[in-house]
């Protein structure tokens, strides 16, 4: 029997799942009615971003499982690689 993650990856081929990753930094900033959360994961040089409707407690130092898509974002005229998180679970 397939897990939820395997079903998602089969349905969405670009999806990546990482298990037991440590959060080094977690920032939250308000943009309109939503909060943009940015995670820096140990061993990665790219930010992992996701949106929430309200503030979330800090995940700094926590071990998490992430499901995300690689994406890019233009900041000050430069293209930056980011990871767009679609599922986040504490391990």
Protein backbone atom coordinates (compact mmCIF):
# COMPACT_ATOMS: atom_id res chain seq x y z
CA UNK A 1 0.00 0.00 0.00
CA UNK A 2 1.31 3.44 -0.97
CA UNK A 3 1.81 6.21 1.57
CA UNK A 4 0.27 9.67 1.17
CA UNK A 5 3.64 11.04 0.04
CA UNK A 6 4.09 8.37 -2.63
CA UNK A 7 0.59 9.12 -3.95
CA UNK A 8 1.37 12.86 -4.06
CA UNK A 9 4.71 12.31 -5.83
CA UNK A 10 3.06 10.04 -8.38
CA UNK A 11 0.40 12.67 -9.08
CA UNK A 12 2.87 15.62 -9.06
CA UNK A 13 6.24 14.54 -10.55
CA UNK A 14 8.18 17.71 -9.55
CA UNK A 15 7.39 17.26 -5.86
CA UNK A 16 10.28 16.53 -3.46
CA UNK A 17 9.96 15.02 0.03
CA UNK A 18 12.64 15.38 2.71
CA UNK A 19 12.55 13.57 6.05
CA UNK A 20 14.14 14.57 9.38
CA UNK A 21 15.60 17.94 8.42
CA UNK A 22 16.71 20.39 11.12
CA UNK A 23 15.44 23.98 11.00
CA UNK A 24 18.28 26.48 11.55
CA UNK A 25 16.22 29.66 11.19
CA UNK A 26 12.50 30.47 11.07
CA UNK A 27 11.23 33.97 10.27
CA UNK A 28 7.66 35.19 9.87
CA UNK A 29 6.59 38.45 8.29
CA UNK A 30 3.20 39.88 7.61
CA UNK A 31 2.12 40.61 4.04
CA UNK A 32 -1.47 41.77 3.80
CA UNK A 33 -3.71 39.32 5.65
CA UNK A 34 -1.19 36.47 5.50
CA UNK A 35 2.15 35.62 7.10
CA UNK A 36 5.08 34.55 4.93
CA UNK A 37 7.18 31.98 6.76
CA UNK A 38 10.77 31.37 5.69
CA UNK A 39 12.80 28.41 6.91
CA UNK A 40 16.51 27.82 6.53
CA UNK A 41 17.30 24.12 6.74
CA UNK A 42 20.63 22.71 7.89
CA UNK A 43 22.71 21.63 4.88
CA UNK A 44 20.73 23.74 2.35
CA UNK A 45 21.61 27.20 1.01
CA UNK A 46 18.10 28.04 -0.25
CA UNK A 47 15.11 29.35 1.71
CA UNK A 48 11.99 27.24 2.12
CA UNK A 49 8.86 29.45 2.00
CA UNK A 50 5.21 28.92 2.86
CA UNK A 51 2.17 31.04 3.79
CA UNK A 52 -0.11 30.93 6.85
CA UNK A 53 -3.19 32.94 7.83
CA UNK A 54 -1.91 33.51 11.38
CA UNK A 55 1.42 33.48 13.22
CA UNK A 56 2.87 30.07 13.94
CA UNK A 57 5.19 29.20 16.80
CA UNK A 58 8.87 29.15 15.94
CA UNK A 59 10.26 25.95 14.43
CA UNK A 60 13.88 26.92 15.05
CA UNK A 61 15.84 23.85 16.21
CA UNK A 62 12.97 21.46 15.40
CA UNK A 63 13.26 18.39 13.19
CA UNK A 64 10.70 18.47 10.36
CA UNK A 65 9.50 16.56 7.31
CA UNK A 66 9.02 18.77 4.24
CA UNK A 67 7.27 18.35 0.93
CA UNK A 68 8.13 21.08 -1.58
CA UNK A 69 8.59 22.23 -5.17
CA UNK A 70 11.77 23.92 -6.43
CA UNK A 71 10.90 27.41 -7.66
CA UNK A 72 12.49 30.78 -8.36
CA UNK A 73 11.72 34.29 -7.18
CA UNK A 74 12.95 37.66 -8.42
CA UNK A 75 14.36 39.88 -5.65
CA UNK A 76 15.85 43.28 -6.52
CA UNK A 77 16.26 42.20 -10.15
CA UNK A 78 18.03 38.93 -9.31
CA UNK A 79 16.55 35.47 -9.76
CA UNK A 80 16.84 33.46 -6.55
CA UNK A 81 16.16 29.77 -6.13
CA UNK A 82 13.60 29.02 -3.40
CA UNK A 83 11.68 25.97 -2.28
CA UNK A 84 7.90 26.36 -2.13
CA UNK A 85 6.67 24.23 0.79
CA UNK A 86 3.32 22.50 0.32
CA UNK A 87 3.43 20.24 3.40
CA UNK A 88 5.27 20.62 6.68
CA UNK A 89 5.20 18.20 9.63
CA UNK A 90 7.24 18.11 12.80
CA UNK A 91 9.01 14.77 13.24
